[in-house]
Amino acid sequence: MGQAANIFLVGLGGFAGAAVRYLLGGWILHHTVAAKFPWSTFAVNVLGCLFIGALSAAAERSDLIGPGTRLFLFTGLLGGFTTFSAFGFETFFLLRRGEWLIAALYAAASAAVCVLAVWAGFRALQVFGR
C-alpha cells in the first residue's frame, strides 16, 4: 500500500474517531453538567484505552488485523477519538517488557510536562498576544 493510501486510511479513521468523540463527549457532558469532575474527557480516555487494549490483543492473536487495518483503527480511529489511548498503550507495553522505571518516568513526565506545556502556551499568549 502506498503512502497516499496510508494517509487516507489514517484520515478516514481520524475523522470517524473525532466525530464519535464529539458525539459521545457531548452526550456525557450533557448528563454531567453539574459535576466538577471532567467526566466526558475521562470516559473517552478510558474507553479509548479499553479499545486499544482489546484491539492489540486481537492483533497479536490473529492475522485479520493487517497493516492497513491497524493504521485505520489504531492511528486513525483511536487517534482521533483520544491520543490518551496511545499513551496508555505505550506505558502498558513498557510495563509488559519489564521496563518499570521507564514506564513510571514516562507516565509522570507526560502528565507533568504536558500540563506545564499547556500553562506555558496559555501564559505566552497572555504575555505576548496583546
C-alpha atoms as a PDB file:
ATOM      1  CA  MET A   1       0.000   0.000   0.000  1.00  0.00           C
ATOM      2  CA  GLY A   2       1.308   3.440  -0.907  1.00  0.00           C
ATOM      3  CA  GLN A   3       1.806   6.499   1.241  1.00  0.00           C
ATOM      4  CA  ALA A   4      -1.324   8.202  -0.168  1.00  0.00           C
ATOM      5  CA  ALA A   5      -3.470   5.187   0.744  1.00  0.00           C
ATOM      6  CA  ASN A   6      -1.973   5.137   4.264  1.00  0.00           C
ATOM      7  CA  ILE A   7      -2.713   8.827   4.715  1.00  0.00           C
ATOM      8  CA  PHE A   8      -6.274   8.269   3.503  1.00  0.00           C
ATOM      9  CA  LEU A   9      -6.818   5.401   5.974  1.00  0.00           C
ATOM     10  CA  VAL A  10      -5.468   7.446   8.885  1.00  0.00           C
ATOM     11  CA  GLY A  11      -7.511  10.488   7.850  1.00  0.00           C
ATOM     12  CA  LEU A  12     -10.716   8.480   7.436  1.00  0.00           C
ATOM     13  CA  GLY A  13     -10.218   6.787  10.796  1.00  0.00           C
ATOM     14  CA  GLY A  14      -9.312  10.100  12.414  1.00  0.00           C
ATOM     15  CA  PHE A  15     -12.480  11.703  11.079  1.00  0.00           C
ATOM     16  CA  ALA A  16     -14.617   8.858  12.428  1.00  0.00           C
ATOM     17  CA  GLY A  17     -12.843   8.844  15.803  1.00  0.00           C
ATOM     18  CA  ALA A  18     -13.134  12.608  16.231  1.00  0.00           C
ATOM     19  CA  ALA A  19     -16.822  12.519  15.282  1.00  0.00           C
ATOM     20  CA  VAL A  20     -17.542   9.741  17.788  1.00  0.00           C
ATOM     21  CA  ARG A  21     -15.605  11.617  20.472  1.00  0.00           C
ATOM     22  CA  TYR A  22     -17.630  14.757  19.786  1.00  0.00           C
ATOM     23  CA  LEU A  23     -20.953  12.892  19.962  1.00  0.00           C
ATOM     24  CA  LEU A  24     -20.131  10.720  22.975  1.00  0.00           C
ATOM     25  CA  GLY A  25     -18.342  13.509  24.823  1.00  0.00           C
ATOM     26  CA  GLY A  26     -21.244  15.858  24.237  1.00  0.00           C
ATOM     27  CA  TRP A  27     -23.754  13.272  25.421  1.00  0.00           C
ATOM     28  CA  ILE A  28     -21.781  12.614  28.627  1.00  0.00           C
ATOM     29  CA  LEU A  29     -21.236  16.329  29.204  1.00  0.00           C
ATOM     30  CA  HIS A  30     -24.982  16.949  28.818  1.00  0.00           C
ATOM     31  CA  HIS A  31     -25.675  14.358  31.512  1.00  0.00           C
ATOM     32  CA  THR A  32     -22.975  15.592  33.926  1.00  0.00           C
ATOM     33  CA  VAL A  33     -23.320  19.372  33.602  1.00  0.00           C
ATOM     34  CA  ALA A  34     -23.335  19.952  37.359  1.00  0.00           C
ATOM     35  CA  ALA A  35     -20.274  17.766  38.005  1.00  0.00           C
ATOM     36  CA  LYS A  36     -16.945  19.406  38.758  1.00  0.00           C
ATOM     37  CA  PHE A  37     -15.009  16.340  37.557  1.00  0.00           C
ATOM     38  CA  PRO A  38     -14.440  16.276  33.755  1.00  0.00           C
ATOM     39  CA  TRP A  39     -16.365  13.021  33.214  1.00  0.00           C
ATOM     40  CA  SER A  40     -16.626  13.475  29.460  1.00  0.00           C
ATOM     41  CA  THR A  41     -12.886  13.524  28.788  1.00  0.00           C
ATOM     42  CA  PHE A  42     -12.252  10.883  31.446  1.00  0.00           C
ATOM     43  CA  ALA A  43     -14.788   8.476  29.912  1.00  0.00           C
ATOM     44  CA  VAL A  44     -13.447   8.983  26.388  1.00  0.00           C
ATOM     45  CA  ASN A  45      -9.878   8.360  27.581  1.00  0.00           C
ATOM     46  CA  VAL A  46     -10.848   5.201  29.489  1.00  0.00           C
ATOM     47  CA  LEU A  47     -12.861   3.852  26.545  1.00  0.00           C
ATOM     48  CA  GLY A  48     -10.005   4.599  24.154  1.00  0.00           C
ATOM     49  CA  CYS A  49      -7.594   2.690  26.410  1.00  0.00           C
ATOM     50  CA  LEU A  50     -10.043  -0.223  26.701  1.00  0.00           C
ATOM     51  CA  PHE A  51     -10.431  -0.399  22.925  1.00  0.00           C
ATOM     52  CA  ILE A  52      -6.702  -0.160  22.170  1.00  0.00           C
ATOM     53  CA  GLY A  53      -6.030  -2.928  24.688  1.00  0.00           C
ATOM     54  CA  ALA A  54      -8.640  -5.209  23.156  1.00  0.00           C
ATOM     55  CA  LEU A  55      -7.528  -4.438  19.608  1.00  0.00           C
ATOM     56  CA  SER A  56      -3.850  -5.010  20.400  1.00  0.00           C
ATOM     57  CA  ALA A  57      -4.698  -8.390  21.946  1.00  0.00           C
ATOM     58  CA  ALA A  58      -6.728  -9.260  18.840  1.00  0.00           C
ATOM     59  CA  ALA A  59      -3.869  -8.145  16.583  1.00  0.00           C
ATOM     60  CA  GLU A  60      -1.416 -10.420  18.437  1.00  0.00           C
ATOM     61  CA  ARG A  61      -3.682 -13.454  18.083  1.00  0.00           C
ATOM     62  CA  SER A  62      -4.847 -13.056  14.525  1.00  0.00           C
ATOM     63  CA  ASP A  63      -3.703 -12.054  11.073  1.00  0.00           C
ATOM     64  CA  LEU A  64      -7.088 -10.421  10.458  1.00  0.00           C
ATOM     65  CA  ILE A  65      -5.733  -7.034  11.506  1.00  0.00           C
ATOM     66  CA  GLY A  66      -3.267  -6.210   8.749  1.00  0.00           C
ATOM     67  CA  PRO A  67      -1.136  -3.085   8.344  1.00  0.00           C
ATOM     68  CA  GLY A  68      -3.878  -1.037   6.656  1.00  0.00           C
ATOM     69  CA  THR A  69      -6.470  -2.005   9.239  1.00  0.00           C
ATOM     70  CA  ARG A  70      -4.009  -1.190  12.028  1.00  0.00           C
ATOM     71  CA  LEU A  71      -3.415   2.266  10.553  1.00  0.00           C
ATOM     72  CA  PHE A  72      -7.157   2.884  10.282  1.00  0.00           C
ATOM     73  CA  LEU A  73      -8.018   1.573  13.773  1.00  0.00           C
ATOM     74  CA  PHE A  74      -5.010   2.475  15.920  1.00  0.00           C
ATOM     75  CA  THR A  75      -3.587   5.640  14.378  1.00  0.00           C
ATOM     76  CA  GLY A  76      -6.767   6.960  12.762  1.00  0.00           C
ATOM     77  CA  LEU A  77      -9.872   5.938  14.691  1.00  0.00           C
ATOM     78  CA  LEU A  78      -8.386   5.755  18.175  1.00  0.00           C
ATOM     79  CA  GLY A  79      -6.016   8.650  17.494  1.00  0.00           C
ATOM     80  CA  GLY A  80      -8.979  10.798  16.521  1.00  0.00           C
ATOM     81  CA  PHE A  81     -11.008   9.504  19.457  1.00  0.00           C
ATOM     82  CA  THR A  82      -8.282  10.060  22.052  1.00  0.00           C
ATOM     83  CA  THR A  83      -4.492  10.189  21.938  1.00  0.00           C
ATOM     84  CA  PHE A  84      -4.564   9.136  25.581  1.00  0.00           C
ATOM     85  CA  SER A  85      -5.099   5.578  24.325  1.00  0.00           C
ATOM     86  CA  ALA A  86      -1.659   5.709  22.666  1.00  0.00           C
ATOM     87  CA  PHE A  87      -0.158   6.926  25.944  1.00  0.00           C
ATOM     88  CA  GLY A  88      -1.829   4.066  27.836  1.00  0.00           C
ATOM     89  CA  PHE A  89      -0.771   1.563  25.169  1.00  0.00           C
ATOM     90  CA  GLU A  90       2.875   2.656  25.210  1.00  0.00           C
ATOM     91  CA  THR A  91       3.013   2.673  29.013  1.00  0.00           C
ATOM     92  CA  PHE A  92       1.410  -0.794  29.149  1.00  0.00           C
ATOM     93  CA  PHE A  93       3.972  -2.227  26.742  1.00  0.00           C
ATOM     94  CA  LEU A  94       6.853  -0.702  28.703  1.00  0.00           C
ATOM     95  CA  LEU A  95       5.459  -2.429  31.810  1.00  0.00           C
ATOM     96  CA  ARG A  96       4.918  -5.653  29.868  1.00  0.00           C
ATOM     97  CA  ARG A  97       8.599  -5.644  28.869  1.00  0.00           C
ATOM     98  CA  GLY A  98       9.587  -5.163  32.493  1.00  0.00           C
ATOM     99  CA  GLU A  99      10.670  -1.551  31.982  1.00  0.00           C
ATOM    100  CA  TRP A 100       9.021  -0.371  35.226  1.00  0.00           C
ATOM    101  CA  LEU A 101      11.252   2.636  35.807  1.00  0.00           C
ATOM    102  CA  ILE A 102      10.969   3.896  32.233  1.00  0.00           C
ATOM    103  CA  ALA A 103       7.174   3.403  32.351  1.00  0.00           C
ATOM    104  CA  ALA A 104       6.903   5.354  35.597  1.00  0.00           C
ATOM    105  CA  LEU A 105       9.150   8.134  34.293  1.00  0.00           C
ATOM    106  CA  TYR A 106       7.221   8.284  31.024  1.00  0.00           C
ATOM    107  CA  ALA A 107       3.850   8.464  32.789  1.00  0.00           C
ATOM    108  CA  ALA A 108       4.954  11.060  35.330  1.00  0.00           C
ATOM    109  CA  ALA A 109       6.857  13.167  32.807  1.00  0.00           C
ATOM    110  CA  SER A 110       3.990  13.044  30.309  1.00  0.00           C
ATOM    111  CA  ALA A 111       1.472  14.270  32.865  1.00  0.00           C
ATOM    112  CA  ALA A 112       3.721  16.933  34.387  1.00  0.00           C
ATOM    113  CA  VAL A 113       5.315  18.238  31.197  1.00  0.00           C
ATOM    114  CA  CYS A 114       2.033  18.306  29.271  1.00  0.00           C
ATOM    115  CA  VAL A 115       0.271  20.307  31.983  1.00  0.00           C
ATOM    116  CA  LEU A 116       3.300  22.608  32.104  1.00  0.00           C
ATOM    117  CA  ALA A 117       3.186  22.983  28.302  1.00  0.00           C
ATOM    118  CA  VAL A 118      -0.491  23.971  28.450  1.00  0.00           C
ATOM    119  CA  TRP A 119       0.376  26.559  31.109  1.00  0.00           C
ATOM    120  CA  ALA A 120       3.325  27.841  29.044  1.00  0.00           C
ATOM    121  CA  GLY A 121       1.228  28.171  25.893  1.00  0.00           C
ATOM    122  CA  PHE A 122      -1.564  29.893  27.801  1.00  0.00           C
ATOM    123  CA  ARG A 123       0.852  32.221  29.576  1.00  0.00           C
ATOM    124  CA  ALA A 124       2.793  33.028  26.393  1.00  0.00           C
ATOM    125  CA  LEU A 125      -0.369  34.171  24.668  1.00  0.00           C
ATOM    126  CA  GLN A 126      -1.340  36.250  27.699  1.00  0.00           C
ATOM    127  CA  VAL A 127       2.042  37.981  27.740  1.00  0.00           C
ATOM    128  CA  PHE A 128       2.879  38.256  24.029  1.00  0.00           C
ATOM    129  CA  GLY A 129      -0.570  38.135  22.478  1.00  0.00           C
ATOM    130  CA  ARG A 130      -1.545  41.681  23.418  1.00  0.00           C
END
